[in-house]
Amino acid sequence: MPQAIDAHPNSNVIVCGALLTGTVIPASTSPFVRAYIGNAGKVQAELTSANFSTTATHKFNLYGVLGDARMNGDGGFRTSAPLASATIVSTFTTLSAVTWPYQFVDIEIAVGASSTVTIAGKVLLGTAGPST
């Protein structure tokens, strides 16, 4: 896995790697990008636009990562259920979740079995200070 992106509290980053703008994600796959969020208590992820080859249900997920995660993206394991999940729409999809006490999150696009997804815009990650 490539190195995790580093998104300390009160920062915004454009997610790259497996979720880079212009990436075509095959059907029945779930690529993700791991982000180090430090002590950020809240995370918001935004998918600004995506194109679909056919009408289908695709998911945009945000997971917390537990255990011995490292900056190179190895180690640790994600929560069994997403902290936040949404069905991808073509124009704008957003997720927001309290992420304390996680130090890492995984941002995932889970593509349905019947079609592909092309990331036409960008995937952004924003963090905020302590959760309430």
N, C-alpha and C. Protein backbone atom coordinates (compact mmCIF):
# COMPACT_ATOMS: atom_id res chain seq x y z
N MET A 1 0.84 -1.17 0.00
CA MET A 1 0.00 0.00 0.00
C MET A 1 0.88 1.24 0.00
N PRO A 2 0.51 2.29 -0.73
CA PRO A 2 1.30 3.52 -0.70
C PRO A 2 1.18 4.22 0.64
N GLN A 3 2.07 5.15 0.86
CA GLN A 3 2.07 5.87 2.14
C GLN A 3 0.75 6.58 2.37
N ALA A 4 0.30 6.59 3.61
CA ALA A 4 -0.93 7.28 3.97
C ALA A 4 -0.77 8.78 3.79
N ILE A 5 -1.87 9.44 3.44
CA ILE A 5 -1.83 10.90 3.39
C ILE A 5 -1.88 11.43 4.81
N ASP A 6 -1.40 12.63 5.02
CA ASP A 6 -1.27 13.22 6.35
C ASP A 6 -2.20 14.42 6.44
N ALA A 7 -3.27 14.28 7.22
CA ALA A 7 -4.27 15.35 7.33
C ALA A 7 -4.49 15.68 8.79
N HIS A 8 -3.61 16.50 9.33
CA HIS A 8 -3.73 16.89 10.74
C HIS A 8 -4.98 17.75 10.94
N PRO A 9 -5.36 18.00 12.21
CA PRO A 9 -6.55 18.81 12.47
C PRO A 9 -6.53 20.14 11.73
N ASN A 10 -7.73 20.52 11.29
CA ASN A 10 -7.96 21.79 10.59
C ASN A 10 -7.20 21.89 9.28
N SER A 11 -7.16 20.79 8.53
CA SER A 11 -6.53 20.82 7.23
C SER A 11 -7.48 20.24 6.19
N ASN A 12 -7.19 20.55 4.94
CA ASN A 12 -7.91 19.99 3.80
C ASN A 12 -6.88 19.40 2.86
N VAL A 13 -7.15 18.20 2.35
CA VAL A 13 -6.25 17.60 1.38
C VAL A 13 -7.08 17.01 0.26
N ILE A 14 -6.49 16.98 -0.94
CA ILE A 14 -7.11 16.29 -2.06
C ILE A 14 -6.57 14.87 -2.05
N VAL A 15 -7.46 13.91 -1.98
CA VAL A 15 -7.07 12.50 -1.90
C VAL A 15 -6.60 12.04 -3.27
N CYS A 16 -5.46 11.35 -3.29
CA CYS A 16 -4.90 10.84 -4.55
C CYS A 16 -4.83 9.33 -4.49
N GLY A 17 -3.81 8.75 -5.11
CA GLY A 17 -3.67 7.30 -5.10
C GLY A 17 -4.81 6.63 -5.82
N ALA A 18 -5.45 5.67 -5.15
CA ALA A 18 -6.53 4.88 -5.75
C ALA A 18 -7.76 5.71 -6.06
N LEU A 19 -7.87 6.92 -5.48
CA LEU A 19 -9.05 7.75 -5.68
C LEU A 19 -8.72 9.04 -6.43
N LEU A 20 -7.67 9.00 -7.23
CA LEU A 20 -7.22 10.15 -8.01
C LEU A 20 -8.26 10.53 -9.05
N THR A 21 -8.40 11.82 -9.32
CA THR A 21 -9.28 12.31 -10.37
C THR A 21 -8.98 11.60 -11.69
N GLY A 22 -10.02 11.14 -12.37
CA GLY A 22 -9.87 10.47 -13.64
C GLY A 22 -9.74 8.96 -13.54
N THR A 23 -9.63 8.44 -12.32
CA THR A 23 -9.52 7.00 -12.14
C THR A 23 -10.82 6.31 -12.50
N VAL A 24 -10.72 5.24 -13.27
CA VAL A 24 -11.88 4.40 -13.56
C VAL A 24 -11.83 3.23 -12.59
N ILE A 25 -12.86 3.07 -11.78
CA ILE A 25 -12.90 2.02 -10.77
C ILE A 25 -13.79 0.90 -11.29
N PRO A 26 -13.23 -0.30 -11.49
CA PRO A 26 -14.01 -1.42 -12.03
C PRO A 26 -15.15 -1.84 -11.12
N ALA A 27 -16.15 -2.47 -11.71
CA ALA A 27 -17.27 -3.02 -10.95
C ALA A 27 -16.76 -4.03 -9.93
N SER A 28 -17.47 -4.13 -8.83
CA SER A 28 -17.19 -5.09 -7.75
C SER A 28 -15.83 -4.91 -7.09
N THR A 29 -15.32 -3.69 -7.07
CA THR A 29 -14.06 -3.41 -6.36
C THR A 29 -14.29 -2.33 -5.31
N SER A 30 -13.37 -2.23 -4.37
CA SER A 30 -13.49 -1.26 -3.28
C SER A 30 -12.15 -0.63 -2.96
N PRO A 31 -11.61 0.20 -3.84
CA PRO A 31 -10.33 0.84 -3.53
C PRO A 31 -10.50 1.85 -2.39
N PHE A 32 -9.41 2.05 -1.65
CA PHE A 32 -9.46 3.01 -0.55
C PHE A 32 -8.13 3.73 -0.43
N VAL A 33 -8.18 4.85 0.28
CA VAL A 33 -6.98 5.60 0.63
C VAL A 33 -6.98 5.78 2.14
N ARG A 34 -5.84 5.51 2.78
CA ARG A 34 -5.71 5.68 4.22
C ARG A 34 -5.16 7.07 4.51
N ALA A 35 -5.71 7.71 5.53
CA ALA A 35 -5.26 9.05 5.90
C ALA A 35 -4.94 9.10 7.39
N TYR A 36 -3.79 9.67 7.72
CA TYR A 36 -3.43 9.91 9.11
C TYR A 36 -4.09 11.21 9.52
N ILE A 37 -4.92 11.17 10.57
CA ILE A 37 -5.65 12.37 10.97
C ILE A 37 -5.21 12.90 12.32
N GLY A 38 -4.19 12.29 12.92
CA GLY A 38 -3.70 12.77 14.21
C GLY A 38 -4.81 12.77 15.24
N ASN A 39 -4.99 13.86 15.94
CA ASN A 39 -6.03 13.94 16.97
C ASN A 39 -7.28 14.65 16.48
N ALA A 40 -7.49 14.68 15.18
CA ALA A 40 -8.71 15.31 14.66
C ALA A 40 -9.91 14.53 15.18
N GLY A 41 -10.86 15.24 15.73
CA GLY A 41 -12.04 14.58 16.29
C GLY A 41 -13.15 14.38 15.29
N LYS A 42 -13.07 15.09 14.16
CA LYS A 42 -14.11 14.99 13.14
C LYS A 42 -13.46 14.97 11.76
N VAL A 43 -14.07 14.25 10.85
CA VAL A 43 -13.59 14.19 9.48
C VAL A 43 -14.76 14.36 8.54
N GLN A 44 -14.55 15.12 7.49
CA GLN A 44 -15.53 15.23 6.41
C GLN A 44 -14.84 14.86 5.11
N ALA A 45 -15.44 13.96 4.36
CA ALA A 45 -14.91 13.56 3.05
C ALA A 45 -15.94 13.95 2.00
N GLU A 46 -15.47 14.49 0.89
CA GLU A 46 -16.36 14.94 -0.18
C GLU A 46 -15.90 14.39 -1.51
N LEU A 47 -16.83 13.81 -2.25
CA LEU A 47 -16.61 13.39 -3.63
C LEU A 47 -17.34 14.41 -4.48
N THR A 48 -16.58 15.24 -5.23
CA THR A 48 -17.23 16.35 -5.93
C THR A 48 -17.96 15.93 -7.18
N SER A 49 -17.54 14.87 -7.86
CA SER A 49 -18.33 14.35 -8.98
C SER A 49 -17.81 13.00 -9.42
N ALA A 50 -18.72 12.21 -9.95
CA ALA A 50 -18.38 10.88 -10.46
C ALA A 50 -19.31 10.56 -11.62
N ASN A 51 -18.82 9.78 -12.56
CA ASN A 51 -19.63 9.34 -13.70
C ASN A 51 -19.84 7.84 -13.61
N PHE A 52 -21.00 7.37 -14.04
CA PHE A 52 -21.34 5.96 -13.99
C PHE A 52 -21.57 5.45 -15.40
N SER A 53 -21.19 4.20 -15.66
CA SER A 53 -21.44 3.62 -16.98
C SER A 53 -22.89 3.20 -17.12
N THR A 54 -23.56 2.84 -16.04
CA THR A 54 -24.99 2.54 -16.03
C THR A 54 -25.55 2.94 -14.69
N THR A 55 -26.85 2.91 -14.57
CA THR A 55 -27.46 3.22 -13.28
C THR A 55 -27.20 2.07 -12.31
N ALA A 56 -26.62 2.38 -11.17
CA ALA A 56 -26.30 1.35 -10.19
C ALA A 56 -26.11 2.01 -8.84
N THR A 57 -26.04 1.20 -7.80
CA THR A 57 -25.79 1.72 -6.46
C THR A 57 -24.33 1.52 -6.11
N HIS A 58 -23.66 2.63 -5.85
CA HIS A 58 -22.26 2.61 -5.42
C HIS A 58 -22.18 3.35 -4.09
N LYS A 59 -21.25 2.95 -3.24
CA LYS A 59 -21.14 3.54 -1.91
C LYS A 59 -19.83 4.30 -1.73
N PHE A 60 -19.91 5.36 -0.94
CA PHE A 60 -18.78 6.18 -0.51
C PHE A 60 -18.72 5.97 1.00
N ASN A 61 -17.62 5.40 1.50
CA ASN A 61 -17.53 5.00 2.91
C ASN A 61 -16.35 5.64 3.62
N LEU A 62 -16.52 5.88 4.90
CA LEU A 62 -15.45 6.39 5.76
C LEU A 62 -15.35 5.46 6.97
N TYR A 63 -14.18 4.84 7.15
CA TYR A 63 -13.95 3.89 8.23
C TYR A 63 -12.92 4.44 9.20
N GLY A 64 -13.03 4.08 10.48
CA GLY A 64 -11.96 4.30 11.43
C GLY A 64 -10.99 3.13 11.34
N VAL A 65 -9.72 3.37 11.67
CA VAL A 65 -8.71 2.31 11.62
C VAL A 65 -8.18 2.09 13.04
N LEU A 66 -8.29 0.85 13.52
CA LEU A 66 -7.88 0.48 14.87
C LEU A 66 -6.52 -0.18 14.86
N GLY A 67 -5.90 -0.25 16.03
CA GLY A 67 -4.70 -1.06 16.19
C GLY A 67 -3.43 -0.39 15.70
N ASP A 68 -2.49 -1.23 15.30
CA ASP A 68 -1.13 -0.79 15.01
C ASP A 68 -0.98 -0.30 13.57
N ALA A 69 -1.69 0.76 13.22
CA ALA A 69 -1.53 1.35 11.88
C ALA A 69 -0.24 2.16 11.85
N ARG A 70 0.38 2.23 10.68
CA ARG A 70 1.64 2.97 10.53
C ARG A 70 1.52 3.96 9.38
N MET A 71 2.43 4.91 9.35
CA MET A 71 2.39 5.95 8.32
C MET A 71 2.54 5.40 6.91
N ASN A 72 3.14 4.22 6.75
CA ASN A 72 3.28 3.67 5.40
C ASN A 72 1.98 2.99 4.95
N GLY A 73 0.93 3.05 5.80
CA GLY A 73 -0.36 2.48 5.43
C GLY A 73 -0.53 1.04 5.85
N ASP A 74 0.55 0.40 6.33
CA ASP A 74 0.46 -0.99 6.77
C ASP A 74 -0.10 -1.07 8.19
N GLY A 75 -0.49 -2.25 8.56
CA GLY A 75 -0.93 -2.49 9.93
C GLY A 75 -2.31 -1.93 10.19
N GLY A 76 -2.79 -2.21 11.38
CA GLY A 76 -4.11 -1.75 11.77
C GLY A 76 -5.20 -2.48 11.00
N PHE A 77 -6.42 -2.26 11.42
CA PHE A 77 -7.56 -2.83 10.71
C PHE A 77 -8.73 -1.88 10.85
N ARG A 78 -9.54 -1.84 9.81
CA ARG A 78 -10.64 -0.89 9.82
C ARG A 78 -11.83 -1.43 10.61
N THR A 79 -12.66 -0.52 11.07
CA THR A 79 -13.88 -0.89 11.76
C THR A 79 -14.74 -1.74 10.84
N SER A 80 -15.51 -2.66 11.40
CA SER A 80 -16.31 -3.56 10.58
C SER A 80 -17.44 -2.82 9.86
N ALA A 81 -17.95 -1.78 10.46
CA ALA A 81 -18.98 -0.95 9.82
C ALA A 81 -18.42 0.45 9.60
N PRO A 82 -18.81 1.10 8.51
CA PRO A 82 -18.32 2.46 8.28
C PRO A 82 -18.78 3.43 9.36
N LEU A 83 -17.96 4.43 9.64
CA LEU A 83 -18.38 5.52 10.53
C LEU A 83 -19.42 6.38 9.82
N ALA A 84 -19.31 6.45 8.50
CA ALA A 84 -20.28 7.19 7.67
C ALA A 84 -20.31 6.53 6.30
N SER A 85 -21.48 6.51 5.68
CA SER A 85 -21.63 5.90 4.37
C SER A 85 -22.73 6.63 3.61
N ALA A 86 -22.56 6.75 2.30
CA ALA A 86 -23.56 7.40 1.47
C ALA A 86 -23.56 6.75 0.09
N THR A 87 -24.71 6.77 -0.56
CA THR A 87 -24.79 6.34 -1.94
C THR A 87 -24.23 7.45 -2.81
N ILE A 88 -23.33 7.10 -3.72
CA ILE A 88 -22.71 8.11 -4.58
C ILE A 88 -23.74 8.67 -5.55
N VAL A 89 -23.78 9.99 -5.64
CA VAL A 89 -24.56 10.66 -6.66
C VAL A 89 -23.59 11.33 -7.62
N SER A 90 -24.05 11.66 -8.82
CA SER A 90 -23.11 12.11 -9.85
C SER A 90 -22.51 13.48 -9.57
N THR A 91 -23.19 14.33 -8.81
CA THR A 91 -22.68 15.69 -8.65
C THR A 91 -21.89 15.93 -7.38
N PHE A 92 -22.40 15.52 -6.22
CA PHE A 92 -21.72 15.87 -4.96
C PHE A 92 -22.17 14.89 -3.88
N THR A 93 -21.22 14.20 -3.27
CA THR A 93 -21.52 13.28 -2.18
C THR A 93 -20.61 13.63 -1.02
N THR A 94 -21.17 13.76 0.17
CA THR A 94 -20.36 14.14 1.32
C THR A 94 -20.60 13.19 2.50
N LEU A 95 -19.57 12.98 3.29
CA LEU A 95 -19.64 12.17 4.51
C LEU A 95 -19.05 12.99 5.65
N SER A 96 -19.62 12.85 6.82
CA SER A 96 -19.07 13.52 7.99
C SER A 96 -19.23 12.59 9.18
N ALA A 97 -18.17 12.48 10.00
CA ALA A 97 -18.23 11.58 11.14
C ALA A 97 -17.31 12.04 12.26
N VAL A 98 -17.70 11.73 13.49
CA VAL A 98 -16.80 11.88 14.63
C VAL A 98 -15.79 10.75 14.54
N THR A 99 -14.51 11.07 14.61
CA THR A 99 -13.47 10.07 14.39
C THR A 99 -12.60 9.81 15.61
N TRP A 100 -12.88 10.45 16.72
CA TRP A 100 -12.13 10.16 17.94
C TRP A 100 -12.52 8.77 18.40
N PRO A 101 -11.62 7.88 18.79
CA PRO A 101 -10.21 8.07 19.09
C PRO A 101 -9.29 7.57 17.99
N TYR A 102 -9.76 7.46 16.76
CA TYR A 102 -8.94 6.91 15.68
C TYR A 102 -7.84 7.88 15.25
N GLN A 103 -6.68 7.33 14.91
CA GLN A 103 -5.58 8.13 14.38
C GLN A 103 -5.54 8.08 12.86
N PHE A 104 -6.18 7.07 12.27
CA PHE A 104 -6.24 6.90 10.82
C PHE A 104 -7.69 6.67 10.41
N VAL A 105 -8.00 7.05 9.17
CA VAL A 105 -9.28 6.68 8.56
C VAL A 105 -9.01 6.11 7.18
N ASP A 106 -9.92 5.28 6.70
CA ASP A 106 -9.90 4.79 5.33
C ASP A 106 -11.08 5.39 4.59
N ILE A 107 -10.80 5.99 3.44
CA ILE A 107 -11.83 6.52 2.57
C ILE A 107 -11.97 5.54 1.42
N GLU A 108 -13.17 5.02 1.22
CA GLU A 108 -13.38 3.93 0.27
C GLU A 108 -14.51 4.26 -0.70
N ILE A 109 -14.34 3.86 -1.94
CA ILE A 109 -15.43 3.86 -2.90
C ILE A 109 -15.71 2.40 -3.23
N ALA A 110 -16.90 1.94 -2.85
CA ALA A 110 -17.30 0.54 -3.06
C ALA A 110 -18.24 0.50 -4.26
N VAL A 111 -17.76 -0.10 -5.34
CA VAL A 111 -18.48 -0.07 -6.61
C VAL A 111 -19.37 -1.30 -6.72
N GLY A 112 -20.60 -1.08 -7.15
CA GLY A 112 -21.55 -2.18 -7.34
C GLY A 112 -21.11 -3.14 -8.43
N ALA A 113 -21.83 -4.26 -8.54
CA ALA A 113 -21.43 -5.32 -9.45
C ALA A 113 -21.76 -5.04 -10.91
N SER A 114 -22.63 -4.08 -11.18
CA SER A 114 -23.15 -3.96 -12.55
C SER A 114 -22.47 -2.90 -13.41
N SER A 115 -21.63 -2.06 -12.84
CA SER A 115 -21.04 -0.99 -13.66
C SER A 115 -19.76 -0.46 -13.05
N THR A 116 -19.11 0.42 -13.76
CA THR A 116 -17.90 1.08 -13.27
C THR A 116 -18.23 2.49 -12.78
N VAL A 117 -17.29 3.07 -12.05
CA VAL A 117 -17.38 4.47 -11.63
C VAL A 117 -16.11 5.17 -12.11
N THR A 118 -16.26 6.35 -12.68
CA THR A 118 -15.12 7.19 -13.01
C THR A 118 -15.17 8.42 -12.12
N ILE A 119 -14.07 8.70 -11.43
CA ILE A 119 -14.00 9.90 -10.59
C ILE A 119 -13.73 11.08 -11.51
N ALA A 120 -14.74 11.89 -11.71
CA ALA A 120 -14.63 13.00 -12.65
C ALA A 120 -14.13 14.27 -11.97
N GLY A 121 -14.41 14.41 -10.69
CA GLY A 121 -13.95 15.59 -9.95
C GLY A 121 -12.82 15.22 -9.03
N LYS A 122 -12.99 15.48 -7.73
CA LYS A 122 -11.95 15.13 -6.77
C LYS A 122 -12.56 14.61 -5.49
N VAL A 123 -11.75 13.92 -4.73
CA VAL A 123 -12.13 13.48 -3.40
C VAL A 123 -11.32 14.30 -2.42
N LEU A 124 -12.01 15.02 -1.54
CA LEU A 124 -11.37 15.88 -0.56
C LEU A 124 -11.56 15.32 0.83
N LEU A 125 -10.60 15.57 1.70
CA LEU A 125 -10.71 15.20 3.10
C LEU A 125 -10.46 16.43 3.94
N GLY A 126 -11.37 16.72 4.84
CA GLY A 126 -11.19 17.84 5.76
C GLY A 126 -11.26 17.35 7.19
N THR A 127 -10.48 17.93 8.08
CA THR A 127 -10.49 17.52 9.48
C THR A 127 -10.80 18.71 10.37
N ALA A 128 -11.27 18.41 11.58
CA ALA A 128 -11.57 19.47 12.55
C ALA A 128 -11.02 19.06 13.89
N GLY A 129 -11.07 19.98 14.84
CA GLY A 129 -10.50 19.75 16.15
C GLY A 129 -11.24 18.71 16.96
N PRO A 130 -11.13 18.76 18.28
CA PRO A 130 -11.69 17.72 19.14
C PRO A 130 -13.19 17.52 18.93
N SER A 131 -13.63 16.27 19.04
CA SER A 131 -15.06 16.00 18.91
C SER A 131 -15.77 16.44 20.17
N THR A 132 -17.05 16.69 20.01
CA THR A 132 -17.82 17.16 21.18
C THR A 132 -18.59 16.03 21.80
